[in-house]
C-alpha atoms as a PDB file:
ATOM      1  CA  MET A   1      20.433  12.232   0.617  1.00  0.00           C
ATOM      2  CA  ARG A   2      20.863   9.465   3.184  1.00  0.00           C
ATOM      3  CA  LEU A   3      20.055   9.853   6.861  1.00  0.00           C
ATOM      4  CA  ARG A   4      20.829   7.951  10.036  1.00  0.00           C
ATOM      5  CA  VAL A   5      18.340   8.051  12.903  1.00  0.00           C
ATOM      6  CA  GLU A   6      19.205   7.097  16.463  1.00  0.00           C
ATOM      7  CA  PHE A   7      16.421   6.917  19.033  1.00  0.00           C
ATOM      8  CA  THR A   8      15.399   5.801  22.493  1.00  0.00           C
ATOM      9  CA  THR A   9      12.028   5.783  24.220  1.00  0.00           C
ATOM     10  CA  GLU A  10      11.287   6.196  27.896  1.00  0.00           C
ATOM     11  CA  PRO A  11      10.454   5.194  30.568  1.00  0.00           C
ATOM     12  CA  PHE A  12      12.996   2.389  30.686  1.00  0.00           C
ATOM     13  CA  ASP A  13      12.243  -1.054  32.035  1.00  0.00           C
ATOM     14  CA  LEU A  14      15.253  -3.357  32.322  1.00  0.00           C
ATOM     15  CA  GLU A  15      13.111  -6.423  33.057  1.00  0.00           C
ATOM     16  CA  GLU A  16      10.864  -6.338  30.005  1.00  0.00           C
ATOM     17  CA  ALA A  17      10.601  -4.193  26.890  1.00  0.00           C
ATOM     18  CA  PRO A  18       7.762  -1.710  27.429  1.00  0.00           C
ATOM     19  CA  ALA A  19       4.952  -1.470  24.864  1.00  0.00           C
ATOM     20  CA  HIS A  20       6.240   1.891  23.589  1.00  0.00           C
ATOM     21  CA  ALA A  21       9.699   0.444  22.905  1.00  0.00           C
ATOM     22  CA  VAL A  22       8.206  -2.540  21.089  1.00  0.00           C
ATOM     23  CA  ALA A  23       5.988  -0.238  19.009  1.00  0.00           C
ATOM     24  CA  ALA A  24       8.943   1.952  18.005  1.00  0.00           C
ATOM     25  CA  ARG A  25      11.111  -1.023  17.077  1.00  0.00           C
ATOM     26  CA  GLU A  26       8.343  -2.612  15.016  1.00  0.00           C
ATOM     27  CA  VAL A  27       7.920   0.601  13.014  1.00  0.00           C
ATOM     28  CA  ILE A  28      11.638   0.788  12.279  1.00  0.00           C
ATOM     29  CA  GLN A  29      11.960  -2.895  11.444  1.00  0.00           C
ATOM     30  CA  LYS A  30       8.994  -2.744   9.024  1.00  0.00           C
ATOM     31  CA  ALA A  31      10.175   0.456   7.318  1.00  0.00           C
ATOM     32  CA  GLN A  32      12.199   0.271   4.137  1.00  0.00           C
ATOM     33  CA  LEU A  33      15.444   1.221   5.850  1.00  0.00           C
ATOM     34  CA  ASP A  34      18.984  -0.150   5.773  1.00  0.00           C
ATOM     35  CA  ALA A  35      21.326  -1.078   8.598  1.00  0.00           C
ATOM     36  CA  VAL A  36      18.638  -1.387  11.273  1.00  0.00           C
ATOM     37  CA  ASP A  37      20.095  -2.123  14.703  1.00  0.00           C
ATOM     38  CA  VAL A  38      17.801  -2.408  17.728  1.00  0.00           C
ATOM     39  CA  GLY A  39      19.029  -2.805  21.263  1.00  0.00           C
ATOM     40  CA  PRO A  40      18.032  -2.262  24.875  1.00  0.00           C
ATOM     41  CA  PHE A  41      19.614   1.194  25.200  1.00  0.00           C
ATOM     42  CA  GLY A  42      19.363   2.610  21.706  1.00  0.00           C
ATOM     43  CA  ASN A  43      18.324   1.923  18.155  1.00  0.00           C
ATOM     44  CA  THR A  44      19.681   3.064  14.802  1.00  0.00           C
ATOM     45  CA  ALA A  45      18.640   2.829  11.187  1.00  0.00           C
ATOM     46  CA  GLU A  46      19.787   4.324   7.904  1.00  0.00           C
ATOM     47  CA  GLY A  47      18.085   4.997   4.630  1.00  0.00           C
ATOM     48  CA  GLU A  48      16.976   7.477   2.045  1.00  0.00           C
ATOM     49  CA  ALA A  49      15.755  10.748   3.544  1.00  0.00           C
ATOM     50  CA  ALA A  50      12.090  10.319   2.590  1.00  0.00           C
ATOM     51  CA  GLU A  51      11.887   6.837   4.098  1.00  0.00           C
ATOM     52  CA  VAL A  52      13.704   7.825   7.295  1.00  0.00           C
ATOM     53  CA  LEU A  53      11.490  10.871   7.826  1.00  0.00           C
ATOM     54  CA  GLU A  54       8.353   8.830   7.194  1.00  0.00           C
ATOM     55  CA  ALA A  55       9.549   6.183   9.659  1.00  0.00           C
ATOM     56  CA  VAL A  56      10.361   8.832  12.289  1.00  0.00           C
ATOM     57  CA  ALA A  57       6.840  10.255  12.067  1.00  0.00           C
ATOM     58  CA  ALA A  58       5.340   6.764  12.430  1.00  0.00           C
ATOM     59  CA  LEU A  59       7.754   5.971  15.274  1.00  0.00           C
ATOM     60  CA  LEU A  60       6.643   9.067  17.193  1.00  0.00           C
ATOM     61  CA  ARG A  61       2.954   8.338  16.683  1.00  0.00           C
ATOM     62  CA  GLY A  62       3.338   4.680  17.620  1.00  0.00           C
ATOM     63  CA  SER A  63       5.573   5.035  20.655  1.00  0.00           C
ATOM     64  CA  LEU A  64       3.723   8.010  22.153  1.00  0.00           C
ATOM     65  CA  GLY A  65       0.431   6.234  21.531  1.00  0.00           C
ATOM     66  CA  ALA A  66       1.798   3.181  23.346  1.00  0.00           C
ATOM     67  CA  GLY A  67       2.772   5.121  26.474  1.00  0.00           C
ATOM     68  CA  ALA A  68       6.186   6.676  25.895  1.00  0.00           C
ATOM     69  CA  THR A  69       6.735   9.749  28.054  1.00  0.00           C
ATOM     70  CA  ARG A  70       9.868  10.779  26.168  1.00  0.00           C
ATOM     71  CA  VAL A  71      11.379   9.989  22.789  1.00  0.00           C
ATOM     72  CA  SER A  72      14.950  11.080  22.138  1.00  0.00           C
ATOM     73  CA  LEU A  73      15.952  11.354  18.486  1.00  0.00           C
ATOM     74  CA  GLN A  74      19.052  12.268  16.596  1.00  0.00           C
ATOM     75  CA  VAL A  75      19.057  12.472  12.813  1.00  0.00           C
ATOM     76  CA  ASN A  76      22.304  12.844  10.859  1.00  0.00           C
ATOM     77  CA  VAL A  77      23.010  13.312   7.179  1.00  0.00           C
ATOM     78  CA  ILE A  78      25.398  10.528   6.225  1.00  0.00           C
ATOM     79  CA  GLY A  79      25.843  11.044   2.503  1.00  0.00           C
ATOM     80  CA  GLU A  80      24.527  12.209  -0.804  1.00  0.00           C
ATOM     81  CA  ASP A  81      23.362   9.963  -3.603  1.00  0.00           C
ATOM     82  CA  THR A  82      25.455  10.174  -6.726  1.00  0.00           C
ATOM     83  CA  PRO A  83      23.876   9.739 -10.176  1.00  0.00           C
END
């Protein structure tokens, strides 16, 4: 199964990326995921279910540990692997 995760961290700072946003993006960029897209108002990544779920757990730990007061996540199933 493949999943797509979309996430944002708060509080926002339009002048400079806060430490919690940087931490979350670094986790996603280092994970073994496909189609990673990071931006100022939202981030997405796709991959195999196990890798996405592992990255989401690390993202939550990292961003909350770096000062996030809210993390908004959406995870969607985007397809099944075929043998």
